[in-house]
C-alpha atoms as a PDB file:
ATOM      1  CA  MET A   1       7.644 -54.144  -0.317  1.00  0.00           C
ATOM      2  CA  ASN A   2       6.495 -50.755   0.838  1.00  0.00           C
ATOM      3  CA  THR A   3       3.134 -50.785   2.550  1.00  0.00           C
ATOM      4  CA  LEU A   4       0.425 -48.636   1.132  1.00  0.00           C
ATOM      5  CA  TYR A   5      -2.472 -47.347   3.184  1.00  0.00           C
ATOM      6  CA  VAL A   6      -5.715 -46.202   1.938  1.00  0.00           C
ATOM      7  CA  LYS A   7      -8.563 -43.858   3.171  1.00  0.00           C
ATOM      8  CA  ASP A   8     -11.573 -42.663   1.111  1.00  0.00           C
ATOM      9  CA  GLY A   9      -9.877 -43.903  -2.032  1.00  0.00           C
ATOM     10  CA  HIS A  10      -6.621 -42.070  -1.509  1.00  0.00           C
ATOM     11  CA  THR A  11      -3.301 -43.925  -0.967  1.00  0.00           C
ATOM     12  CA  ALA A  12      -0.320 -42.954   1.233  1.00  0.00           C
ATOM     13  CA  SER A  13       2.964 -44.797   2.004  1.00  0.00           C
ATOM     14  CA  ILE A  14       5.001 -44.891   5.137  1.00  0.00           C
ATOM     15  CA  SER A  15       7.833 -42.400   5.504  1.00  0.00           C
ATOM     16  CA  PRO A  16       9.650 -40.819   8.568  1.00  0.00           C
ATOM     17  CA  LYS A  17       8.385 -37.314   7.458  1.00  0.00           C
ATOM     18  CA  TYR A  18       4.916 -36.093   6.230  1.00  0.00           C
ATOM     19  CA  VAL A  19       5.271 -35.609   2.474  1.00  0.00           C
ATOM     20  CA  TYR A  20       2.544 -33.555   0.588  1.00  0.00           C
ATOM     21  CA  HIS A  21       1.940 -33.238  -3.306  1.00  0.00           C
ATOM     22  CA  SER A  22       0.510 -29.880  -4.622  1.00  0.00           C
ATOM     23  CA  SER A  23      -0.812 -29.482  -7.993  1.00  0.00           C
ATOM     24  CA  VAL A  24      -2.193 -26.526  -9.768  1.00  0.00           C
ATOM     25  CA  HIS A  25      -4.736 -26.470 -12.842  1.00  0.00           C
ATOM     26  CA  LYS A  26      -6.256 -23.964 -15.016  1.00  0.00           C
ATOM     27  CA  ILE A  27      -9.742 -24.674 -16.265  1.00  0.00           C
ATOM     28  CA  TRP A  28     -11.789 -23.139 -18.912  1.00  0.00           C
ATOM     29  CA  LYS A  29     -15.362 -23.943 -20.323  1.00  0.00           C
ATOM     30  CA  TRP A  30     -13.628 -25.750 -23.225  1.00  0.00           C
ATOM     31  CA  GLY A  31     -10.811 -27.667 -21.401  1.00  0.00           C
ATOM     32  CA  ALA A  32      -8.114 -27.610 -18.749  1.00  0.00           C
ATOM     33  CA  CYS A  33      -4.278 -27.433 -18.499  1.00  0.00           C
ATOM     34  CA  PHE A  34      -1.729 -28.659 -15.783  1.00  0.00           C
ATOM     35  CA  LEU A  35       0.283 -25.514 -14.549  1.00  0.00           C
ATOM     36  CA  GLY A  36       2.637 -27.231 -12.204  1.00  0.00           C
ATOM     37  CA  GLU A  37       3.269 -29.372  -9.081  1.00  0.00           C
ATOM     38  CA  LYS A  38       5.487 -29.388  -5.951  1.00  0.00           C
ATOM     39  CA  TYR A  39       6.341 -31.850  -3.302  1.00  0.00           C
ATOM     40  CA  PHE A  40       7.319 -30.848   0.091  1.00  0.00           C
ATOM     41  CA  ALA A  41       8.021 -32.484   3.501  1.00  0.00           C
ATOM     42  CA  SER A  42       7.415 -31.484   6.983  1.00  0.00           C
ATOM     43  CA  SER A  43       8.479 -32.983  10.385  1.00  0.00           C
ATOM     44  CA  ARG A  44       4.921 -32.431  11.636  1.00  0.00           C
ATOM     45  CA  PRO A  45       1.451 -32.841   9.943  1.00  0.00           C
ATOM     46  CA  LEU A  46      -0.001 -29.724   8.307  1.00  0.00           C
ATOM     47  CA  ASN A  47      -3.495 -28.554   9.293  1.00  0.00           C
ATOM     48  CA  ILE A  48      -4.992 -28.456   5.812  1.00  0.00           C
ATOM     49  CA  LYS A  49      -8.699 -27.622   6.036  1.00  0.00           C
ATOM     50  CA  LYS A  50      -9.281 -27.875   2.293  1.00  0.00           C
ATOM     51  CA  ILE A  51      -7.508 -30.281  -0.069  1.00  0.00           C
ATOM     52  CA  GLN A  52      -9.033 -28.268  -3.013  1.00  0.00           C
ATOM     53  CA  THR A  53      -8.946 -24.536  -3.581  1.00  0.00           C
ATOM     54  CA  LYS A  54     -10.624 -22.717  -6.331  1.00  0.00           C
ATOM     55  CA  ILE A  55      -9.869 -19.121  -7.707  1.00  0.00           C
ATOM     56  CA  LYS A  56     -12.684 -18.127 -10.066  1.00  0.00           C
ATOM     57  CA  LYS A  57     -11.965 -15.562 -12.713  1.00  0.00           C
ATOM     58  CA  LYS A  58     -14.275 -14.339 -15.598  1.00  0.00           C
ATOM     59  CA  GLU A  59     -12.808 -16.708 -18.245  1.00  0.00           C
ATOM     60  CA  TYR A  60     -11.222 -19.504 -16.165  1.00  0.00           C
ATOM     61  CA  THR A  61     -10.866 -21.054 -12.745  1.00  0.00           C
ATOM     62  CA  ILE A  62      -7.542 -21.942 -11.053  1.00  0.00           C
ATOM     63  CA  GLN A  63      -7.753 -25.168  -8.978  1.00  0.00           C
ATOM     64  CA  ARG A  64      -5.123 -26.154  -6.414  1.00  0.00           C
ATOM     65  CA  PHE A  65      -5.044 -29.808  -4.915  1.00  0.00           C
ATOM     66  CA  ILE A  66      -3.084 -30.764  -1.708  1.00  0.00           C
ATOM     67  CA  GLU A  67      -2.554 -34.502  -0.889  1.00  0.00           C
ATOM     68  CA  LEU A  68      -0.799 -36.346   1.797  1.00  0.00           C
ATOM     69  CA  GLU A  69       1.553 -38.686   0.015  1.00  0.00           C
ATOM     70  CA  SER A  70       3.439 -40.438   2.860  1.00  0.00           C
ATOM     71  CA  ALA A  71       3.603 -40.169   6.787  1.00  0.00           C
ATOM     72  CA  PRO A  72       4.848 -42.019   9.736  1.00  0.00           C
ATOM     73  CA  GLU A  73       2.801 -45.320  10.070  1.00  0.00           C
ATOM     74  CA  GLN A  74       1.271 -44.588  13.448  1.00  0.00           C
ATOM     75  CA  TYR A  75      -0.262 -41.196  12.079  1.00  0.00           C
ATOM     76  CA  LEU A  76      -1.906 -42.979   9.173  1.00  0.00           C
ATOM     77  CA  LEU A  77      -3.293 -45.681  11.576  1.00  0.00           C
ATOM     78  CA  ARG A  78      -4.683 -43.109  14.028  1.00  0.00           C
ATOM     79  CA  ASN A  79      -6.252 -41.042  11.185  1.00  0.00           C
ATOM     80  CA  GLY A  80      -8.386 -43.830   9.669  1.00  0.00           C
ATOM     81  CA  TYR A  81      -5.898 -45.315   6.955  1.00  0.00           C
ATOM     82  CA  THR A  82      -6.038 -48.920   6.792  1.00  0.00           C
ATOM     83  CA  PRO A  83      -3.460 -51.265   4.986  1.00  0.00           C
ATOM     84  CA  LEU A  84      -4.088 -51.940   1.457  1.00  0.00           C
ATOM     85  CA  ILE A  85      -3.798 -55.739   0.710  1.00  0.00           C
ATOM     86  CA  CYS A  86      -2.013 -56.374  -2.735  1.00  0.00           C
ATOM     87  CA  LEU A  87      -1.807 -59.905  -4.155  1.00  0.00           C
ATOM     88  CA  LYS A  88       1.336 -60.893  -5.734  1.00  0.00           C
ATOM     89  CA  SER A  89       1.060 -62.172  -9.274  1.00  0.00           C
ATOM     90  CA  HIS A  90       3.310 -65.004 -10.238  1.00  0.00           C
END
């Protein structure tokens, strides 16, 4: 069973590398659409100052989100993640 860790409502799993998920959305006043996503890995943690970036245009807004999906266990523990306890159902 792969242990999950949680911090501020965000979950991350354990892996030897730092794995990030980036997604891009286009938002209008009347709705939104998903433009794409990409996963990427790094041997070192990235210095991400903002997990959400907005580019505002006259008619719409482009939003990009970057989230940590997995990292080495010691990194997660040092950065405030706690193990998520899951109860097995029978």
